[in-house]
Amino acid sequence: MKINLVMIVRDEERYLERCLKSAVHLVDHMVITDTGSTDRPREIARNMGALVLEYGWNNDFSAARNFGLDHSDGDWNLVLDADETLHFYSREALEERISRLSDRWGQAWMGAITRYDSYQDGDGTSVSTSLIPRLLPRGIRYAGIIHEQPDTGIPCYPLLLEADHDGYVSCDKGERNLPYLEKAVNLYPEDVYYRFQMAAALRNMKRLEDSLDWFRGFYKMAPPQAGYRTEGVLSYLYTLLDLGGPACLDEAWDIIRREKPVLGKRADFCFLCGLFYMKLVLSDVKQYYHLLLGIENSFLECLRIGEHPEQGGVVGAGSFKAAYNLGLWYEVSGDREKAAEYYRQSALAGFKPASERLSDILVKPSDFSY
């Protein structure tokens, strides 16, 4: 079988060599489409043995990707972005996985990578995971001017191939993407996926109020089977929690109760529930005192479920972040022994806030009070 790497790049000299080095042993040829770089990606790609194509940018990501795919003769095309780096995986293992799936489906399937996305938040740098279709059979093309997706209804299966993505740590692409998204939602007002992406972009740009109407529209329209629905629901809920206030908390509570039968077995949903109960109780202790146990139970359920990166979600929601929040809960409750136990569990995973709290409670009285 012939496997080619197909990429589009623009001003990516910072990342490109690292990306190509992580993938070169998996592929037969590399096809790199440059869309107007002013730095050195064309030189880097040629030095790595890639075929370099130049494409006049026309404000359409799918068109650029499809141009590269048109120049690939692979049976399978592995699609990456320059700010992604593959974890080591052997060509033999990849071929074995492709052969196993092809024995059942022929070439009527796509392969997904598990991507670990780094981003900045209140704890410093956090990581979330998502499963993204990136191995395409010959003939499949993309659709969508931005946040492009394979234009096919064939099923997608995990490849057991993983990649780190850190492009959003040093560069927020929200301002760049927004005009494309505005154009997309105007062209396709009934497209739920674009509504989700518009809401997510505005949220990431800290325009929380602006994002809410888009989240509400997405939530009403999203089909239950949509692969992006869970991420959209959780982002919607986090936006309501970040805004706070009685109306937003009531809206969040209605959604949580509605979604619990669907999402209740996911650690990231239970983690959000724990944060929600905290916020609700603090908003009116007398009215919501009966929900105190919901805080503890939510984070304990996270640990019981554990980590499942193949499902997507925030890394740590089923382990060290849940343990840290249990430490906070027990410290507030006055149980310093249990607090230390869970802080220690979180700290062993390298979570710095847990190490700091553990040091504090071991040497001085708690800073928390009722």
Protein backbone atom coordinates (compact mmCIF):
# COMPACT_ATOMS: atom_id res chain seq x y z
CA MET A 1 0.00 0.00 0.00
CA LYS A 2 1.13 3.55 -0.67
CA ILE A 3 0.69 6.16 2.07
CA ASN A 4 1.40 9.84 1.40
CA LEU A 5 1.57 12.79 3.74
CA VAL A 6 -0.47 15.74 2.43
CA MET A 7 -0.26 19.16 4.13
CA ILE A 8 -0.97 22.84 3.59
CA VAL A 9 1.39 25.36 5.20
CA ARG A 10 1.90 29.08 5.49
CA ASP A 11 4.65 30.76 7.54
CA GLU A 12 5.26 27.55 9.48
CA GLU A 13 9.06 27.40 9.71
CA ARG A 14 8.82 27.29 13.50
CA TYR A 15 7.03 23.93 13.47
CA LEU A 16 7.38 22.28 10.09
CA GLU A 17 10.64 20.37 10.41
CA ARG A 18 9.53 18.87 13.72
CA CYS A 19 6.24 17.75 12.16
CA LEU A 20 7.84 16.21 9.07
CA LYS A 21 10.45 14.35 11.12
CA SER A 22 7.68 12.76 13.18
CA ALA A 23 5.87 11.50 10.07
CA VAL A 24 8.51 10.80 7.41
CA HIS A 25 9.05 7.14 8.40
CA LEU A 26 5.32 6.42 8.05
CA VAL A 27 4.84 7.62 4.48
CA ASP A 28 6.12 7.00 0.97
CA HIS A 29 5.93 10.60 -0.25
CA MET A 30 5.23 14.03 1.27
CA VAL A 31 3.16 16.59 -0.64
CA ILE A 32 3.36 20.08 0.86
CA THR A 33 1.18 22.90 -0.47
CA ASP A 34 2.44 26.38 0.44
CA THR A 35 -0.27 29.06 0.37
CA GLY A 36 1.97 32.14 0.39
CA SER A 37 4.65 31.88 3.09
CA THR A 38 7.07 34.71 3.78
CA ASP A 39 9.43 32.53 5.83
CA ARG A 40 11.22 29.21 5.04
CA PRO A 41 8.71 26.29 4.94
CA ARG A 42 9.30 25.61 1.24
CA GLU A 43 13.05 25.26 1.82
CA ILE A 44 12.53 23.09 4.91
CA ALA A 45 10.10 20.79 3.10
CA ARG A 46 12.35 20.39 0.05
CA ASN A 47 15.33 19.58 2.30
CA MET A 48 13.20 16.82 3.84
CA GLY A 49 12.50 15.34 0.40
CA ALA A 50 8.94 16.65 -0.01
CA LEU A 51 7.21 17.68 -3.21
CA VAL A 52 6.46 21.38 -2.68
CA LEU A 53 3.53 22.98 -4.49
CA GLU A 54 2.59 26.66 -4.52
CA TYR A 55 -1.06 27.64 -4.32
CA GLY A 56 -2.58 31.11 -4.63
CA TRP A 57 -4.59 31.62 -1.46
CA ASN A 58 -8.31 32.16 -2.18
CA ASN A 59 -9.72 32.23 1.39
CA ASP A 60 -10.81 28.59 1.25
CA PHE A 61 -8.99 25.97 3.36
CA SER A 62 -10.73 23.05 1.64
CA ALA A 63 -9.67 24.26 -1.79
CA ALA A 64 -6.04 24.39 -0.68
CA ARG A 65 -6.18 20.92 0.90
CA ASN A 66 -7.88 19.49 -2.18
CA PHE A 67 -5.18 20.98 -4.42
CA GLY A 68 -2.58 18.99 -2.49
CA LEU A 69 -4.71 15.84 -2.55
CA ASP A 70 -5.08 16.19 -6.32
CA HIS A 71 -1.29 15.88 -6.57
CA SER A 72 -1.02 12.80 -4.37
CA ASP A 73 -0.91 9.30 -5.84
CA GLY A 74 -1.31 7.56 -2.49
CA ASP A 75 -3.78 4.80 -1.76
CA TRP A 76 -4.10 6.55 1.59
CA ASN A 77 -3.42 10.19 2.43
CA LEU A 78 -2.30 11.17 5.92
CA VAL A 79 -3.29 14.79 6.55
CA LEU A 80 -1.47 16.82 9.21
CA ASP A 81 -1.03 20.47 10.22
CA ALA A 82 2.46 21.86 10.73
CA ASP A 83 1.92 22.50 14.46
CA GLU A 84 1.17 18.81 15.07
CA THR A 85 3.79 16.24 16.05
CA LEU A 86 3.09 12.52 15.86
CA HIS A 87 3.99 10.22 18.74
CA PHE A 88 6.21 7.40 17.56
CA TYR A 89 4.30 4.71 15.70
CA SER A 90 5.86 2.18 13.34
CA ARG A 91 5.01 1.84 9.68
CA GLU A 92 4.47 -1.85 10.29
CA ALA A 93 1.87 -1.15 13.00
CA LEU A 94 0.14 1.42 10.81
CA GLU A 95 -0.06 -0.96 7.85
CA GLU A 96 -1.35 -3.72 10.10
CA ARG A 97 -4.12 -1.44 11.41
CA ILE A 98 -5.05 -0.28 7.90
CA SER A 99 -5.09 -3.87 6.61
CA ARG A 100 -7.28 -5.04 9.47
CA LEU A 101 -9.86 -2.32 8.85
CA SER A 102 -9.62 -2.72 5.07
CA ASP A 103 -10.36 -6.43 5.34
CA ARG A 104 -13.75 -5.43 6.68
CA TRP A 105 -14.50 -2.14 4.93
CA GLY A 106 -12.31 -2.06 1.82
CA GLN A 107 -11.44 1.60 1.30
CA ALA A 108 -14.83 2.85 2.46
CA TRP A 109 -13.55 4.15 5.79
CA MET A 110 -11.35 6.88 7.28
CA GLY A 111 -8.77 6.68 10.06
CA ALA A 112 -8.72 9.04 13.04
CA ILE A 113 -5.77 10.24 15.09
CA THR A 114 -6.04 11.10 18.78
CA ARG A 115 -4.81 14.68 19.08
CA TYR A 116 -3.57 16.21 22.35
CA ASP A 117 -4.29 19.95 22.20
CA SER A 118 -2.33 22.23 24.54
CA TYR A 119 -3.90 25.55 25.53
CA GLN A 120 -3.57 28.25 28.17
CA ASP A 121 -6.01 28.42 31.07
CA GLY A 122 -6.09 29.43 34.73
CA ASP A 123 -3.85 26.48 35.68
CA GLY A 124 -1.19 27.42 33.12
CA THR A 125 -1.05 25.01 30.19
CA SER A 126 -3.75 22.36 30.02
CA VAL A 127 -4.35 19.60 27.49
CA SER A 128 -7.51 18.25 25.88
CA THR A 129 -7.95 15.39 23.46
CA SER A 130 -10.00 14.96 20.33
CA LEU A 131 -10.40 12.23 17.72
CA ILE A 132 -9.95 13.70 14.22
CA PRO A 133 -10.30 11.99 10.80
CA ARG A 134 -6.86 12.30 9.19
CA LEU A 135 -6.19 9.18 7.12
CA LEU A 136 -8.25 9.42 3.95
CA PRO A 137 -8.66 6.82 1.20
CA ARG A 138 -7.83 7.84 -2.34
CA GLY A 139 -10.49 10.10 -3.84
CA ILE A 140 -11.84 11.72 -0.65
CA ARG A 141 -11.80 15.52 -0.66
CA TYR A 142 -12.62 18.27 1.84
CA ALA A 143 -15.55 20.69 2.11
CA GLY A 144 -15.91 23.94 4.05
CA ILE A 145 -14.04 27.22 3.73
CA ILE A 146 -12.75 26.86 7.33
CA HIS A 147 -12.70 24.03 9.89
CA GLU A 148 -12.90 21.88 6.81
CA GLN A 149 -14.09 18.30 7.06
CA PRO A 150 -13.81 15.27 4.74
CA ASP A 151 -16.73 15.46 2.34
CA THR A 152 -17.99 11.92 2.79
CA GLY A 153 -20.37 9.85 4.86
CA ILE A 154 -18.08 6.85 5.28
CA PRO A 155 -17.33 5.70 8.85
CA CYS A 156 -14.25 6.75 10.80
CA TYR A 157 -12.21 4.44 13.04
CA PRO A 158 -9.30 5.15 15.40
CA LEU A 159 -5.83 4.37 14.08
CA LEU A 160 -4.16 4.25 17.52
CA LEU A 161 -1.99 7.06 16.14
CA GLU A 162 -1.48 10.05 18.46
CA ALA A 163 -0.25 13.61 17.92
CA ASP A 164 0.59 16.63 20.06
CA HIS A 165 -0.79 19.99 18.94
CA ASP A 166 0.67 23.13 20.48
CA GLY A 167 -0.02 25.82 17.91
CA TYR A 168 -2.58 27.55 20.12
CA VAL A 169 -0.19 27.94 23.07
CA SER A 170 1.87 30.65 21.41
CA CYS A 171 -0.66 31.94 18.88
CA ASP A 172 -4.38 32.56 19.23
CA LYS A 173 -5.90 32.06 15.79
CA GLY A 174 -9.33 33.37 16.78
CA GLU A 175 -8.92 36.78 15.16
CA ARG A 176 -7.62 35.13 11.98
CA ASN A 177 -10.47 32.63 11.83
CA LEU A 178 -13.36 34.93 12.70
CA PRO A 179 -13.84 36.56 9.25
CA TYR A 180 -13.90 33.10 7.63
CA LEU A 181 -16.46 31.88 10.14
CA GLU A 182 -18.62 34.96 9.65
CA LYS A 183 -18.61 34.29 5.93
CA ALA A 184 -19.40 30.60 6.46
CA VAL A 185 -22.39 31.18 8.77
CA ASN A 186 -23.79 33.75 6.33
CA LEU A 187 -23.41 31.36 3.41
CA TYR A 188 -24.76 28.36 5.34
CA PRO A 189 -27.06 29.67 8.12
CA GLU A 190 -28.53 26.21 8.78
CA ASP A 191 -25.15 24.50 9.15
CA VAL A 192 -24.97 23.47 12.81
CA TYR A 193 -21.25 22.72 12.68
CA TYR A 194 -20.45 26.31 11.72
CA ARG A 195 -22.67 27.56 14.54
CA PHE A 196 -20.64 25.45 16.94
CA GLN A 197 -17.34 26.72 15.54
CA MET A 198 -18.50 30.35 15.70
CA ALA A 199 -19.55 29.90 19.33
CA ALA A 200 -16.25 28.22 20.20
CA ALA A 201 -14.20 30.93 18.46
CA LEU A 202 -16.00 33.74 20.31
CA ARG A 203 -15.60 31.89 23.61
CA ASN A 204 -11.87 31.43 23.02
CA MET A 205 -11.61 35.15 22.27
CA LYS A 206 -13.24 35.82 25.70
CA ARG A 207 -16.35 37.23 24.03
CA LEU A 208 -18.56 35.10 26.24
CA GLU A 209 -21.80 37.05 25.92
CA ASP A 210 -21.46 37.09 22.14
CA SER A 211 -20.90 33.34 22.07
CA LEU A 212 -24.07 32.46 23.99
CA ASP A 213 -26.56 33.01 21.16
CA TRP A 214 -24.44 30.83 18.89
CA PHE A 215 -24.23 28.11 21.55
CA ARG A 216 -27.99 28.25 22.05
CA GLY A 217 -28.63 27.91 18.33
CA PHE A 218 -26.15 25.04 18.10
CA TYR A 219 -27.76 23.27 21.05
CA LYS A 220 -31.25 23.44 19.55
CA MET A 221 -30.14 22.21 16.15
CA ALA A 222 -27.30 19.72 16.76
CA PRO A 223 -28.23 16.13 15.86
CA PRO A 224 -27.64 13.63 18.70
CA GLN A 225 -25.13 11.62 16.65
CA ALA A 226 -22.94 14.60 15.65
CA GLY A 227 -19.32 13.94 16.63
CA TYR A 228 -18.84 17.54 17.83
CA ARG A 229 -21.99 17.66 19.96
CA THR A 230 -20.41 16.63 23.28
CA GLU A 231 -17.62 19.20 22.95
CA GLY A 232 -20.20 21.84 22.05
CA VAL A 233 -22.46 21.05 25.01
CA LEU A 234 -19.55 21.16 27.46
CA SER A 235 -18.23 24.42 26.00
CA TYR A 236 -21.73 25.89 26.23
CA LEU A 237 -21.95 24.88 29.90
CA TYR A 238 -18.49 26.25 30.72
CA THR A 239 -19.49 29.55 29.12
CA LEU A 240 -22.58 29.75 31.34
CA LEU A 241 -20.47 28.95 34.43
CA ASP A 242 -17.85 31.55 33.50
CA LEU A 243 -20.53 34.20 33.08
CA GLY A 244 -22.23 33.18 36.31
CA GLY A 245 -25.26 35.01 37.63
CA PRO A 246 -28.63 33.42 38.52
CA ALA A 247 -29.98 33.32 34.95
CA CYS A 248 -26.88 31.60 33.54
CA LEU A 249 -26.72 29.12 36.41
CA ASP A 250 -30.41 28.26 35.95
CA GLU A 251 -29.81 27.73 32.23
CA ALA A 252 -26.82 25.52 32.98
CA TRP A 253 -28.77 23.47 35.50
CA ASP A 254 -31.54 22.80 32.99
CA ILE A 255 -28.97 21.57 30.45
CA ILE A 256 -27.09 19.45 32.99
CA ARG A 257 -30.28 17.67 34.06
CA ARG A 258 -31.25 17.10 30.43
CA GLU A 259 -27.81 15.82 29.40
CA LYS A 260 -27.00 13.64 32.41
CA PRO A 261 -28.62 10.48 30.95
CA VAL A 262 -26.53 10.99 27.78
CA LEU A 263 -23.21 12.26 29.14
CA GLY A 264 -23.27 11.09 32.76
CA LYS A 265 -20.67 8.35 32.19
CA ARG A 266 -18.04 10.77 30.88
CA ALA A 267 -15.43 12.11 33.31
CA ASP A 268 -15.37 15.55 31.69
CA PHE A 269 -19.14 15.94 32.19
CA CYS A 270 -18.94 14.82 35.83
CA PHE A 271 -16.02 17.22 36.34
CA LEU A 272 -18.10 20.10 35.04
CA CYS A 273 -20.97 19.05 37.31
CA GLY A 274 -18.65 19.26 40.32
CA LEU A 275 -17.63 22.80 39.35
CA PHE A 276 -21.26 23.71 38.73
CA TYR A 277 -22.39 22.51 42.16
CA MET A 278 -19.55 24.48 43.76
CA LYS A 279 -20.62 27.65 41.98
CA LEU A 280 -24.30 27.11 42.69
CA VAL A 281 -23.77 26.47 46.41
CA LEU A 282 -21.53 29.52 46.75
CA SER A 283 -24.14 31.67 45.00
CA ASP A 284 -26.68 30.92 47.76
CA VAL A 285 -25.51 28.55 50.50
CA LYS A 286 -28.87 28.51 52.29
CA GLN A 287 -30.88 27.66 49.18
CA TYR A 288 -28.46 25.09 47.75
CA TYR A 289 -26.95 23.56 50.87
CA HIS A 290 -28.53 20.22 49.96
CA LEU A 291 -26.26 20.05 46.88
CA LEU A 292 -23.01 20.05 48.86
CA LEU A 293 -22.60 16.29 48.52
CA GLY A 294 -22.99 16.68 44.77
CA ILE A 295 -19.58 18.36 44.70
CA GLU A 296 -17.81 15.46 46.38
CA ASN A 297 -19.74 12.78 44.51
CA SER A 298 -19.08 14.37 41.12
CA PHE A 299 -15.31 14.40 41.54
CA LEU A 300 -15.27 10.90 43.05
CA GLU A 301 -17.21 9.70 40.00
CA CYS A 302 -14.58 11.31 37.78
CA LEU A 303 -11.88 9.20 39.43
CA ARG A 304 -14.03 6.10 39.19
CA ILE A 305 -14.50 6.63 35.43
CA GLY A 306 -10.83 7.45 34.87
CA GLU A 307 -9.07 8.80 31.79
CA HIS A 308 -10.35 7.93 28.30
CA PRO A 309 -8.41 10.06 25.80
CA GLU A 310 -10.05 8.26 22.88
CA GLN A 311 -13.37 9.88 23.89
CA GLY A 312 -12.02 13.43 23.86
CA GLY A 313 -12.11 15.90 26.73
CA VAL A 314 -9.74 17.60 29.15
CA VAL A 315 -6.78 15.51 30.27
CA GLY A 316 -6.94 15.22 34.05
CA ALA A 317 -10.73 15.33 34.39
CA GLY A 318 -10.62 11.63 35.23
CA SER A 319 -7.44 11.80 37.31
CA PHE A 320 -5.24 14.60 38.68
CA LYS A 321 -7.62 17.55 38.17
CA ALA A 322 -10.48 15.69 39.82
CA ALA A 323 -8.18 14.65 42.68
CA TYR A 324 -7.07 18.27 43.12
CA ASN A 325 -10.66 19.48 43.37
CA LEU A 326 -11.42 16.77 45.92
CA GLY A 327 -8.45 18.06 47.88
CA LEU A 328 -9.98 21.54 47.81
CA TRP A 329 -13.34 20.17 48.85
CA TYR A 330 -11.96 18.24 51.82
CA GLU A 331 -9.77 21.15 52.87
CA VAL A 332 -12.79 23.49 52.89
CA SER A 333 -14.71 20.82 54.83
CA GLY A 334 -11.97 20.67 57.47
CA ASP A 335 -10.76 17.16 56.65
CA ARG A 336 -7.08 17.98 56.17
CA GLU A 337 -6.03 14.33 56.16
CA LYS A 338 -8.24 13.52 53.17
CA ALA A 339 -7.28 16.80 51.52
CA ALA A 340 -3.61 15.87 51.77
CA GLU A 341 -4.36 12.40 50.37
CA TYR A 342 -5.96 13.78 47.21
CA TYR A 343 -3.49 16.64 46.82
CA ARG A 344 -0.73 14.05 47.00
CA GLN A 345 -2.45 11.90 44.38
CA SER A 346 -2.72 14.90 42.06
CA ALA A 347 0.83 16.09 42.77
CA LEU A 348 2.24 12.68 41.84
CA ALA A 349 0.88 13.31 38.34
CA GLY A 350 2.91 16.53 38.20
CA PHE A 351 0.03 18.98 38.80
CA LYS A 352 1.75 22.01 40.27
CA PRO A 353 -1.27 23.62 42.03
CA ALA A 354 -1.73 20.38 44.00
CA SER A 355 1.93 20.40 45.09
CA GLU A 356 1.55 23.97 46.28
CA ARG A 357 -1.63 23.28 48.28
CA LEU A 358 -0.08 20.14 49.76
CA SER A 359 2.95 22.12 50.95
CA ASP A 360 0.69 24.78 52.46
CA ILE A 361 -1.55 22.47 54.46
CA LEU A 362 1.42 20.50 55.78
CA VAL A 363 3.11 23.57 57.25
CA LYS A 364 0.33 25.97 58.25
CA PRO A 365 -3.38 26.14 59.02
CA SER A 366 -5.79 26.16 56.08
CA ASP A 367 -6.41 29.43 54.29
CA PHE A 368 -10.00 28.36 53.71
CA SER A 369 -12.89 29.19 56.00
CA TYR A 370 -16.62 28.80 55.82
